ModelCIF file with pLDDT and N, C-alpha, C, O atoms, coordinates in Angstrom:
data_MODEL
#
_entry.id   MODEL 
#
_entity.id                         1 
_entity.type                       polymer 
_entity.pdbx_number_of_molecules   1 
#
_entity_poly.entity_id                      1 
_entity_poly.type                           'polypeptide(L)' 
_entity_poly.nstd_linkage                   no 
_entity_poly.nstd_monomer                   no 
_entity_poly.pdbx_seq_one_letter_code       VHDQPGVTRDRTYQDGFWGDRTFKVVDTGGLVFDDDSEFLPEIRE 
_entity_poly.pdbx_seq_one_letter_code_can   VHDQPGVTRDRTYQDGFWGDRTFKVVDTGGLVFDDDSEFLPEIRE 
_entity_poly.pdbx_strand_id                 A 
#
loop_
_entity_poly_seq.entity_id 
_entity_poly_seq.num 
_entity_poly_seq.mon_id 
_entity_poly_seq.hetero 
1 1  VAL n 
1 2  HIS n 
1 3  ASP n 
1 4  GLN n 
1 5  PRO n 
1 6  GLY n 
1 7  VAL n 
1 8  THR n 
1 9  ARG n 
1 10 ASP n 
1 11 ARG n 
1 12 THR n 
1 13 TYR n 
1 14 GLN n 
1 15 ASP n 
1 16 GLY n 
1 17 PHE n 
1 18 TRP n 
1 19 GLY n 
1 20 ASP n 
1 21 ARG n 
1 22 THR n 
1 23 PHE n 
1 24 LYS n 
1 25 VAL n 
1 26 VAL n 
1 27 ASP n 
1 28 THR n 
1 29 GLY n 
1 30 GLY n 
1 31 LEU n 
1 32 VAL n 
1 33 PHE n 
1 34 ASP n 
1 35 ASP n 
1 36 ASP n 
1 37 SER n 
1 38 GLU n 
1 39 PHE n 
1 40 LEU n 
1 41 PRO n 
1 42 GLU n 
1 43 ILE n 
1 44 ARG n 
1 45 GLU n 
#
_struct_asym.id          A 
_struct_asym.entity_id   1 
#
loop_
_ma_qa_metric.id 
_ma_qa_metric.mode 
_ma_qa_metric.name 
_ma_qa_metric.software_group_id 
_ma_qa_metric.type 
1 global pLDDT . pLDDT 
2 local  pLDDT . pLDDT 
#
_ma_qa_metric_global.metric_id      1 
_ma_qa_metric_global.metric_value   67.18 
_ma_qa_metric_global.model_id       1 
_ma_qa_metric_global.ordinal_id     1 
#
loop_
_ma_qa_metric_local.label_asym_id 
_ma_qa_metric_local.label_comp_id 
_ma_qa_metric_local.label_seq_id 
_ma_qa_metric_local.metric_id 
_ma_qa_metric_local.metric_value 
_ma_qa_metric_local.model_id 
_ma_qa_metric_local.ordinal_id 
A VAL 1  2 37.00 1 1  
A HIS 2  2 35.00 1 2  
A ASP 3  2 40.00 1 3  
A GLN 4  2 40.00 1 4  
A PRO 5  2 39.00 1 5  
A GLY 6  2 41.00 1 6  
A VAL 7  2 39.00 1 7  
A THR 8  2 41.00 1 8  
A ARG 9  2 42.00 1 9  
A ASP 10 2 49.00 1 10 
A ARG 11 2 58.00 1 11 
A THR 12 2 73.00 1 12 
A TYR 13 2 77.00 1 13 
A GLN 14 2 80.00 1 14 
A ASP 15 2 81.00 1 15 
A GLY 16 2 83.00 1 16 
A PHE 17 2 82.00 1 17 
A TRP 18 2 83.00 1 18 
A GLY 19 2 76.00 1 19 
A ASP 20 2 74.00 1 20 
A ARG 21 2 83.00 1 21 
A THR 22 2 84.00 1 22 
A PHE 23 2 87.00 1 23 
A LYS 24 2 85.00 1 24 
A VAL 25 2 87.00 1 25 
A VAL 26 2 86.00 1 26 
A ASP 27 2 83.00 1 27 
A THR 28 2 82.00 1 28 
A GLY 29 2 79.00 1 29 
A GLY 30 2 78.00 1 30 
A LEU 31 2 81.00 1 31 
A VAL 32 2 79.00 1 32 
A PHE 33 2 75.00 1 33 
A ASP 34 2 68.00 1 34 
A ASP 35 2 59.00 1 35 
A ASP 36 2 60.00 1 36 
A SER 37 2 60.00 1 37 
A GLU 38 2 54.00 1 38 
A PHE 39 2 49.00 1 39 
A LEU 40 2 66.00 1 40 
A PRO 41 2 67.00 1 41 
A GLU 42 2 72.00 1 42 
A ILE 43 2 75.00 1 43 
A ARG 44 2 76.00 1 44 
A GLU 45 2 78.00 1 45 
#
loop_
_atom_site.group_PDB 
_atom_site.id 
_atom_site.type_symbol 
_atom_site.label_atom_id 
_atom_site.label_alt_id 
_atom_site.label_comp_id 
_atom_site.label_asym_id 
_atom_site.label_entity_id 
_atom_site.label_seq_id 
_atom_site.pdbx_PDB_ins_code 
_atom_site.Cartn_x 
_atom_site.Cartn_y 
_atom_site.Cartn_z 
_atom_site.occupancy 
_atom_site.B_iso_or_equiv 
_atom_site.pdbx_formal_charge 
_atom_site.auth_seq_id 
_atom_site.auth_comp_id 
_atom_site.auth_asym_id 
_atom_site.auth_atom_id 
_atom_site.pdbx_PDB_model_num 
ATOM 1   N N  . VAL A 1 1  ? 8.835   0.334   -7.171  1.00 37.00 ? 1  VAL A N  1 
ATOM 2   C CA . VAL A 1 1  ? 8.025   0.314   -8.103  1.00 37.00 ? 1  VAL A CA 1 
ATOM 3   C C  . VAL A 1 1  ? 8.340   -0.540  -9.173  1.00 37.00 ? 1  VAL A C  1 
ATOM 4   O O  . VAL A 1 1  ? 9.439   -0.392  -9.708  1.00 37.00 ? 1  VAL A O  1 
ATOM 5   N N  . HIS A 1 2  ? 7.392   -1.609  -9.674  1.00 35.00 ? 2  HIS A N  1 
ATOM 6   C CA . HIS A 1 2  ? 7.529   -2.442  -10.504 1.00 35.00 ? 2  HIS A CA 1 
ATOM 7   C C  . HIS A 1 2  ? 6.495   -3.019  -11.445 1.00 35.00 ? 2  HIS A C  1 
ATOM 8   O O  . HIS A 1 2  ? 5.362   -2.996  -10.962 1.00 35.00 ? 2  HIS A O  1 
ATOM 9   N N  . ASP A 1 3  ? 6.576   -3.474  -12.530 1.00 40.00 ? 3  ASP A N  1 
ATOM 10  C CA . ASP A 1 3  ? 5.483   -3.661  -13.427 1.00 40.00 ? 3  ASP A CA 1 
ATOM 11  C C  . ASP A 1 3  ? 4.583   -4.927  -12.800 1.00 40.00 ? 3  ASP A C  1 
ATOM 12  O O  . ASP A 1 3  ? 3.380   -4.977  -13.056 1.00 40.00 ? 3  ASP A O  1 
ATOM 13  N N  . GLN A 1 4  ? 5.167   -5.863  -12.036 1.00 40.00 ? 4  GLN A N  1 
ATOM 14  C CA . GLN A 1 4  ? 4.475   -6.918  -11.386 1.00 40.00 ? 4  GLN A CA 1 
ATOM 15  C C  . GLN A 1 4  ? 3.583   -6.639  -10.432 1.00 40.00 ? 4  GLN A C  1 
ATOM 16  O O  . GLN A 1 4  ? 3.980   -6.025  -9.441  1.00 40.00 ? 4  GLN A O  1 
ATOM 17  N N  . PRO A 1 5  ? 2.220   -7.026  -10.536 1.00 39.00 ? 5  PRO A N  1 
ATOM 18  C CA . PRO A 1 5  ? 1.156   -6.692  -9.651  1.00 39.00 ? 5  PRO A CA 1 
ATOM 19  C C  . PRO A 1 5  ? 1.666   -7.308  -8.251  1.00 39.00 ? 5  PRO A C  1 
ATOM 20  O O  . PRO A 1 5  ? 2.347   -8.333  -8.220  1.00 39.00 ? 5  PRO A O  1 
ATOM 21  N N  . GLY A 1 6  ? 1.284   -6.609  -7.110  1.00 41.00 ? 6  GLY A N  1 
ATOM 22  C CA . GLY A 1 6  ? 1.312   -7.223  -5.824  1.00 41.00 ? 6  GLY A CA 1 
ATOM 23  C C  . GLY A 1 6  ? 2.667   -7.006  -5.306  1.00 41.00 ? 6  GLY A C  1 
ATOM 24  O O  . GLY A 1 6  ? 3.155   -7.819  -4.522  1.00 41.00 ? 6  GLY A O  1 
ATOM 25  N N  . VAL A 1 7  ? 3.303   -5.972  -5.688  1.00 39.00 ? 7  VAL A N  1 
ATOM 26  C CA . VAL A 1 7  ? 4.568   -5.843  -5.218  1.00 39.00 ? 7  VAL A CA 1 
ATOM 27  C C  . VAL A 1 7  ? 4.678   -5.285  -3.829  1.00 39.00 ? 7  VAL A C  1 
ATOM 28  O O  . VAL A 1 7  ? 5.587   -5.688  -3.103  1.00 39.00 ? 7  VAL A O  1 
ATOM 29  N N  . THR A 1 8  ? 3.732   -4.296  -3.362  1.00 41.00 ? 8  THR A N  1 
ATOM 30  C CA . THR A 1 8  ? 3.499   -3.710  -2.128  1.00 41.00 ? 8  THR A CA 1 
ATOM 31  C C  . THR A 1 8  ? 2.462   -4.795  -1.259  1.00 41.00 ? 8  THR A C  1 
ATOM 32  O O  . THR A 1 8  ? 1.341   -5.090  -1.675  1.00 41.00 ? 8  THR A O  1 
ATOM 33  N N  . ARG A 1 9  ? 2.937   -5.225  -0.227  1.00 42.00 ? 9  ARG A N  1 
ATOM 34  C CA . ARG A 1 9  ? 2.010   -5.928  0.546   1.00 42.00 ? 9  ARG A CA 1 
ATOM 35  C C  . ARG A 1 9  ? 1.684   -5.497  1.948   1.00 42.00 ? 9  ARG A C  1 
ATOM 36  O O  . ARG A 1 9  ? 0.539   -5.584  2.390   1.00 42.00 ? 9  ARG A O  1 
ATOM 37  N N  . ASP A 1 10 ? 2.685   -5.035  2.639   1.00 49.00 ? 10 ASP A N  1 
ATOM 38  C CA . ASP A 1 10 ? 2.335   -4.475  3.949   1.00 49.00 ? 10 ASP A CA 1 
ATOM 39  C C  . ASP A 1 10 ? 2.125   -2.904  3.844   1.00 49.00 ? 10 ASP A C  1 
ATOM 40  O O  . ASP A 1 10 ? 2.431   -2.420  2.754   1.00 49.00 ? 10 ASP A O  1 
ATOM 41  N N  . ARG A 1 11 ? 1.684   -2.102  4.744   1.00 58.00 ? 11 ARG A N  1 
ATOM 42  C CA . ARG A 1 11 ? 1.713   -0.739  4.736   1.00 58.00 ? 11 ARG A CA 1 
ATOM 43  C C  . ARG A 1 11 ? 3.036   -0.073  5.113   1.00 58.00 ? 11 ARG A C  1 
ATOM 44  O O  . ARG A 1 11 ? 3.624   -0.407  6.142   1.00 58.00 ? 11 ARG A O  1 
ATOM 45  N N  . THR A 1 12 ? 3.461   0.774   4.371   1.00 73.00 ? 12 THR A N  1 
ATOM 46  C CA . THR A 1 12 ? 4.742   1.352   4.579   1.00 73.00 ? 12 THR A CA 1 
ATOM 47  C C  . THR A 1 12 ? 4.530   2.951   4.672   1.00 73.00 ? 12 THR A C  1 
ATOM 48  O O  . THR A 1 12 ? 3.613   3.500   4.062   1.00 73.00 ? 12 THR A O  1 
ATOM 49  N N  . TYR A 1 13 ? 5.319   3.557   5.369   1.00 77.00 ? 13 TYR A N  1 
ATOM 50  C CA . TYR A 1 13 ? 5.260   4.813   5.713   1.00 77.00 ? 13 TYR A CA 1 
ATOM 51  C C  . TYR A 1 13 ? 6.373   5.772   5.226   1.00 77.00 ? 13 TYR A C  1 
ATOM 52  O O  . TYR A 1 13 ? 7.478   5.231   5.180   1.00 77.00 ? 13 TYR A O  1 
ATOM 53  N N  . GLN A 1 14 ? 6.339   6.970   4.881   1.00 80.00 ? 14 GLN A N  1 
ATOM 54  C CA . GLN A 1 14 ? 7.249   7.904   4.472   1.00 80.00 ? 14 GLN A CA 1 
ATOM 55  C C  . GLN A 1 14 ? 6.840   9.454   4.821   1.00 80.00 ? 14 GLN A C  1 
ATOM 56  O O  . GLN A 1 14 ? 5.658   9.795   4.779   1.00 80.00 ? 14 GLN A O  1 
ATOM 57  N N  . ASP A 1 15 ? 7.642   10.159  5.088   1.00 81.00 ? 15 ASP A N  1 
ATOM 58  C CA . ASP A 1 15 ? 7.445   11.663  5.406   1.00 81.00 ? 15 ASP A CA 1 
ATOM 59  C C  . ASP A 1 15 ? 6.881   12.375  3.955   1.00 81.00 ? 15 ASP A C  1 
ATOM 60  O O  . ASP A 1 15 ? 7.473   12.150  2.900   1.00 81.00 ? 15 ASP A O  1 
ATOM 61  N N  . GLY A 1 16 ? 5.990   13.027  3.996   1.00 83.00 ? 16 GLY A N  1 
ATOM 62  C CA . GLY A 1 16 ? 5.408   13.823  2.893   1.00 83.00 ? 16 GLY A CA 1 
ATOM 63  C C  . GLY A 1 16 ? 5.507   15.323  3.102   1.00 83.00 ? 16 GLY A C  1 
ATOM 64  O O  . GLY A 1 16 ? 5.212   15.711  4.232   1.00 83.00 ? 16 GLY A O  1 
ATOM 65  N N  . PHE A 1 17 ? 5.860   16.202  2.241   1.00 82.00 ? 17 PHE A N  1 
ATOM 66  C CA . PHE A 1 17 ? 5.884   17.657  2.518   1.00 82.00 ? 17 PHE A CA 1 
ATOM 67  C C  . PHE A 1 17 ? 5.160   18.386  1.424   1.00 82.00 ? 17 PHE A C  1 
ATOM 68  O O  . PHE A 1 17 ? 5.366   18.101  0.244   1.00 82.00 ? 17 PHE A O  1 
ATOM 69  N N  . TRP A 1 18 ? 4.246   19.398  1.819   1.00 83.00 ? 18 TRP A N  1 
ATOM 70  C CA . TRP A 1 18 ? 3.854   20.253  0.967   1.00 83.00 ? 18 TRP A CA 1 
ATOM 71  C C  . TRP A 1 18 ? 3.353   21.565  1.693   1.00 83.00 ? 18 TRP A C  1 
ATOM 72  O O  . TRP A 1 18 ? 2.732   21.558  2.756   1.00 83.00 ? 18 TRP A O  1 
ATOM 73  N N  . GLY A 1 19 ? 3.774   22.907  0.837   1.00 76.00 ? 19 GLY A N  1 
ATOM 74  C CA . GLY A 1 19 ? 3.715   23.972  1.596   1.00 76.00 ? 19 GLY A CA 1 
ATOM 75  C C  . GLY A 1 19 ? 4.413   24.034  2.868   1.00 76.00 ? 19 GLY A C  1 
ATOM 76  O O  . GLY A 1 19 ? 5.612   23.759  2.915   1.00 76.00 ? 19 GLY A O  1 
ATOM 77  N N  . ASP A 1 20 ? 3.622   24.446  4.126   1.00 74.00 ? 20 ASP A N  1 
ATOM 78  C CA . ASP A 1 20 ? 4.169   24.396  5.441   1.00 74.00 ? 20 ASP A CA 1 
ATOM 79  C C  . ASP A 1 20 ? 3.830   23.225  6.155   1.00 74.00 ? 20 ASP A C  1 
ATOM 80  O O  . ASP A 1 20 ? 3.955   23.227  7.380   1.00 74.00 ? 20 ASP A O  1 
ATOM 81  N N  . ARG A 1 21 ? 3.378   22.124  5.498   1.00 83.00 ? 21 ARG A N  1 
ATOM 82  C CA . ARG A 1 21 ? 2.801   21.008  6.377   1.00 83.00 ? 21 ARG A CA 1 
ATOM 83  C C  . ARG A 1 21 ? 3.786   19.668  6.010   1.00 83.00 ? 21 ARG A C  1 
ATOM 84  O O  . ARG A 1 21 ? 4.170   19.345  4.886   1.00 83.00 ? 21 ARG A O  1 
ATOM 85  N N  . THR A 1 22 ? 4.052   19.045  7.192   1.00 84.00 ? 22 THR A N  1 
ATOM 86  C CA . THR A 1 22 ? 4.507   17.839  6.953   1.00 84.00 ? 22 THR A CA 1 
ATOM 87  C C  . THR A 1 22 ? 3.555   16.739  7.457   1.00 84.00 ? 22 THR A C  1 
ATOM 88  O O  . THR A 1 22 ? 2.854   17.000  8.434   1.00 84.00 ? 22 THR A O  1 
ATOM 89  N N  . PHE A 1 23 ? 3.473   15.557  6.885   1.00 87.00 ? 23 PHE A N  1 
ATOM 90  C CA . PHE A 1 23 ? 2.552   14.445  7.083   1.00 87.00 ? 23 PHE A CA 1 
ATOM 91  C C  . PHE A 1 23 ? 3.184   13.123  6.724   1.00 87.00 ? 23 PHE A C  1 
ATOM 92  O O  . PHE A 1 23 ? 4.181   13.091  6.003   1.00 87.00 ? 23 PHE A O  1 
ATOM 93  N N  . LYS A 1 24 ? 2.577   11.935  7.255   1.00 85.00 ? 24 LYS A N  1 
ATOM 94  C CA . LYS A 1 24 ? 2.986   10.685  6.977   1.00 85.00 ? 24 LYS A CA 1 
ATOM 95  C C  . LYS A 1 24 ? 2.207   10.291  5.768   1.00 85.00 ? 24 LYS A C  1 
ATOM 96  O O  . LYS A 1 24 ? 0.991   10.479  5.757   1.00 85.00 ? 24 LYS A O  1 
ATOM 97  N N  . VAL A 1 25 ? 2.893   9.698   4.634   1.00 87.00 ? 25 VAL A N  1 
ATOM 98  C CA . VAL A 1 25 ? 2.084   9.129   3.637   1.00 87.00 ? 25 VAL A CA 1 
ATOM 99  C C  . VAL A 1 25 ? 2.252   7.756   3.709   1.00 87.00 ? 25 VAL A C  1 
ATOM 100 O O  . VAL A 1 25 ? 3.410   7.339   3.699   1.00 87.00 ? 25 VAL A O  1 
ATOM 101 N N  . VAL A 1 26 ? 1.125   6.785   3.796   1.00 86.00 ? 26 VAL A N  1 
ATOM 102 C CA . VAL A 1 26 ? 1.158   5.400   4.021   1.00 86.00 ? 26 VAL A CA 1 
ATOM 103 C C  . VAL A 1 26 ? 0.780   4.637   2.820   1.00 86.00 ? 26 VAL A C  1 
ATOM 104 O O  . VAL A 1 26 ? -0.405  4.652   2.485   1.00 86.00 ? 26 VAL A O  1 
ATOM 105 N N  . ASP A 1 27 ? 1.582   4.014   2.176   1.00 83.00 ? 27 ASP A N  1 
ATOM 106 C CA . ASP A 1 27 ? 1.359   3.197   1.014   1.00 83.00 ? 27 ASP A CA 1 
ATOM 107 C C  . ASP A 1 27 ? 0.735   1.729   1.322   1.00 83.00 ? 27 ASP A C  1 
ATOM 108 O O  . ASP A 1 27 ? 1.182   1.073   2.264   1.00 83.00 ? 27 ASP A O  1 
ATOM 109 N N  . THR A 1 28 ? -0.205  1.283   0.584   1.00 82.00 ? 28 THR A N  1 
ATOM 110 C CA . THR A 1 28 ? -0.981  -0.023  0.873   1.00 82.00 ? 28 THR A CA 1 
ATOM 111 C C  . THR A 1 28 ? -0.821  -0.831  -0.472  1.00 82.00 ? 28 THR A C  1 
ATOM 112 O O  . THR A 1 28 ? -0.615  -0.356  -1.589  1.00 82.00 ? 28 THR A O  1 
ATOM 113 N N  . GLY A 1 29 ? -0.981  -2.349  -0.070  1.00 79.00 ? 29 GLY A N  1 
ATOM 114 C CA . GLY A 1 29 ? -0.904  -3.117  -1.212  1.00 79.00 ? 29 GLY A CA 1 
ATOM 115 C C  . GLY A 1 29 ? -2.123  -3.063  -2.160  1.00 79.00 ? 29 GLY A C  1 
ATOM 116 O O  . GLY A 1 29 ? -3.070  -2.385  -1.762  1.00 79.00 ? 29 GLY A O  1 
ATOM 117 N N  . GLY A 1 30 ? -2.236  -3.665  -3.333  1.00 78.00 ? 30 GLY A N  1 
ATOM 118 C CA . GLY A 1 30 ? -3.176  -3.541  -4.350  1.00 78.00 ? 30 GLY A CA 1 
ATOM 119 C C  . GLY A 1 30 ? -4.361  -4.287  -3.924  1.00 78.00 ? 30 GLY A C  1 
ATOM 120 O O  . GLY A 1 30 ? -4.206  -5.493  -3.734  1.00 78.00 ? 30 GLY A O  1 
ATOM 121 N N  . LEU A 1 31 ? -5.747  -3.673  -3.707  1.00 81.00 ? 31 LEU A N  1 
ATOM 122 C CA . LEU A 1 31 ? -6.771  -4.274  -3.035  1.00 81.00 ? 31 LEU A CA 1 
ATOM 123 C C  . LEU A 1 31 ? -7.633  -5.142  -4.201  1.00 81.00 ? 31 LEU A C  1 
ATOM 124 O O  . LEU A 1 31 ? -7.826  -4.717  -5.340  1.00 81.00 ? 31 LEU A O  1 
ATOM 125 N N  . VAL A 1 32 ? -8.049  -6.273  -3.758  1.00 79.00 ? 32 VAL A N  1 
ATOM 126 C CA . VAL A 1 32 ? -8.805  -7.138  -4.664  1.00 79.00 ? 32 VAL A CA 1 
ATOM 127 C C  . VAL A 1 32 ? -9.746  -7.785  -3.792  1.00 79.00 ? 32 VAL A C  1 
ATOM 128 O O  . VAL A 1 32 ? -9.373  -8.487  -2.852  1.00 79.00 ? 32 VAL A O  1 
ATOM 129 N N  . PHE A 1 33 ? -11.011 -7.563  -4.082  1.00 75.00 ? 33 PHE A N  1 
ATOM 130 C CA . PHE A 1 33 ? -12.197 -8.271  -3.243  1.00 75.00 ? 33 PHE A CA 1 
ATOM 131 C C  . PHE A 1 33 ? -12.842 -9.386  -3.756  1.00 75.00 ? 33 PHE A C  1 
ATOM 132 O O  . PHE A 1 33 ? -13.747 -9.865  -3.072  1.00 75.00 ? 33 PHE A O  1 
ATOM 133 N N  . ASP A 1 34 ? -12.519 -9.982  -4.992  1.00 68.00 ? 34 ASP A N  1 
ATOM 134 C CA . ASP A 1 34 ? -13.088 -11.081 -5.553  1.00 68.00 ? 34 ASP A CA 1 
ATOM 135 C C  . ASP A 1 34 ? -12.280 -12.195 -5.698  1.00 68.00 ? 34 ASP A C  1 
ATOM 136 O O  . ASP A 1 34 ? -12.403 -13.046 -6.578  1.00 68.00 ? 34 ASP A O  1 
ATOM 137 N N  . ASP A 1 35 ? -11.244 -12.169 -4.600  1.00 59.00 ? 35 ASP A N  1 
ATOM 138 C CA . ASP A 1 35 ? -10.199 -13.171 -4.827  1.00 59.00 ? 35 ASP A CA 1 
ATOM 139 C C  . ASP A 1 35 ? -9.526  -13.351 -3.411  1.00 59.00 ? 35 ASP A C  1 
ATOM 140 O O  . ASP A 1 35 ? -9.103  -12.333 -2.864  1.00 59.00 ? 35 ASP A O  1 
ATOM 141 N N  . ASP A 1 36 ? -9.390  -14.596 -2.762  1.00 60.00 ? 36 ASP A N  1 
ATOM 142 C CA . ASP A 1 36 ? -8.864  -14.615 -1.489  1.00 60.00 ? 36 ASP A CA 1 
ATOM 143 C C  . ASP A 1 36 ? -7.727  -15.615 -1.574  1.00 60.00 ? 36 ASP A C  1 
ATOM 144 O O  . ASP A 1 36 ? -7.548  -16.446 -0.684  1.00 60.00 ? 36 ASP A O  1 
ATOM 145 N N  . SER A 1 37 ? -7.032  -15.534 -2.552  1.00 60.00 ? 37 SER A N  1 
ATOM 146 C CA . SER A 1 37 ? -5.658  -16.382 -2.762  1.00 60.00 ? 37 SER A CA 1 
ATOM 147 C C  . SER A 1 37 ? -4.609  -15.630 -1.816  1.00 60.00 ? 37 SER A C  1 
ATOM 148 O O  . SER A 1 37 ? -4.877  -14.804 -0.944  1.00 60.00 ? 37 SER A O  1 
ATOM 149 N N  . GLU A 1 38 ? -3.474  -16.066 -2.160  1.00 54.00 ? 38 GLU A N  1 
ATOM 150 C CA . GLU A 1 38 ? -2.296  -15.785 -1.340  1.00 54.00 ? 38 GLU A CA 1 
ATOM 151 C C  . GLU A 1 38 ? -2.106  -14.216 -0.983  1.00 54.00 ? 38 GLU A C  1 
ATOM 152 O O  . GLU A 1 38 ? -1.996  -13.428 -1.923  1.00 54.00 ? 38 GLU A O  1 
ATOM 153 N N  . PHE A 1 39 ? -2.073  -13.839 0.080   1.00 49.00 ? 39 PHE A N  1 
ATOM 154 C CA . PHE A 1 39 ? -1.740  -12.594 0.687   1.00 49.00 ? 39 PHE A CA 1 
ATOM 155 C C  . PHE A 1 39 ? -3.049  -11.572 0.559   1.00 49.00 ? 39 PHE A C  1 
ATOM 156 O O  . PHE A 1 39 ? -3.122  -10.555 1.248   1.00 49.00 ? 39 PHE A O  1 
ATOM 157 N N  . LEU A 1 40 ? -3.982  -11.920 -0.314  1.00 66.00 ? 40 LEU A N  1 
ATOM 158 C CA . LEU A 1 40 ? -4.796  -10.809 -0.583  1.00 66.00 ? 40 LEU A CA 1 
ATOM 159 C C  . LEU A 1 40 ? -5.684  -10.362 0.539   1.00 66.00 ? 40 LEU A C  1 
ATOM 160 O O  . LEU A 1 40 ? -5.959  -9.167  0.643   1.00 66.00 ? 40 LEU A O  1 
ATOM 161 N N  . PRO A 1 41 ? -6.210  -11.362 1.492   1.00 67.00 ? 41 PRO A N  1 
ATOM 162 C CA . PRO A 1 41 ? -6.903  -10.935 2.628   1.00 67.00 ? 41 PRO A CA 1 
ATOM 163 C C  . PRO A 1 41 ? -6.081  -10.243 3.747   1.00 67.00 ? 41 PRO A C  1 
ATOM 164 O O  . PRO A 1 41 ? -6.685  -9.441  4.459   1.00 67.00 ? 41 PRO A O  1 
ATOM 165 N N  . GLU A 1 42 ? -4.766  -10.470 3.973   1.00 72.00 ? 42 GLU A N  1 
ATOM 166 C CA . GLU A 1 42 ? -4.011  -9.712  4.706   1.00 72.00 ? 42 GLU A CA 1 
ATOM 167 C C  . GLU A 1 42 ? -3.671  -8.372  4.072   1.00 72.00 ? 42 GLU A C  1 
ATOM 168 O O  . GLU A 1 42 ? -3.498  -7.383  4.784   1.00 72.00 ? 42 GLU A O  1 
ATOM 169 N N  . ILE A 1 43 ? -3.576  -8.322  2.800   1.00 75.00 ? 43 ILE A N  1 
ATOM 170 C CA . ILE A 1 43 ? -3.407  -6.898  2.299   1.00 75.00 ? 43 ILE A CA 1 
ATOM 171 C C  . ILE A 1 43 ? -4.635  -6.022  2.401   1.00 75.00 ? 43 ILE A C  1 
ATOM 172 O O  . ILE A 1 43 ? -4.503  -4.807  2.554   1.00 75.00 ? 43 ILE A O  1 
ATOM 173 N N  . ARG A 1 44 ? -5.904  -6.629  2.316   1.00 76.00 ? 44 ARG A N  1 
ATOM 174 C CA . ARG A 1 44 ? -6.931  -5.792  2.773   1.00 76.00 ? 44 ARG A CA 1 
ATOM 175 C C  . ARG A 1 44 ? -6.930  -5.482  4.123   1.00 76.00 ? 44 ARG A C  1 
ATOM 176 O O  . ARG A 1 44 ? -7.326  -4.367  4.462   1.00 76.00 ? 44 ARG A O  1 
ATOM 177 N N  . GLU A 1 45 ? -6.487  -6.416  5.092   1.00 78.00 ? 45 GLU A N  1 
ATOM 178 C CA . GLU A 1 45 ? -6.550  -6.081  6.457   1.00 78.00 ? 45 GLU A CA 1 
ATOM 179 C C  . GLU A 1 45 ? -5.517  -4.852  6.706   1.00 78.00 ? 45 GLU A C  1 
ATOM 180 O O  . GLU A 1 45 ? -5.388  -4.374  7.833   1.00 78.00 ? 45 GLU A O  1 
#
């Protein structure tokens, strides 16, 4: 977690828990659709 935009780029996985359920939470990079500069197309993919 950081104030700088674009810190998360790849998708990253952690285990989440709620009630009696366990699941995977996948974090993704910030989506931008009006710009194809560095890493943004890969982040969308």
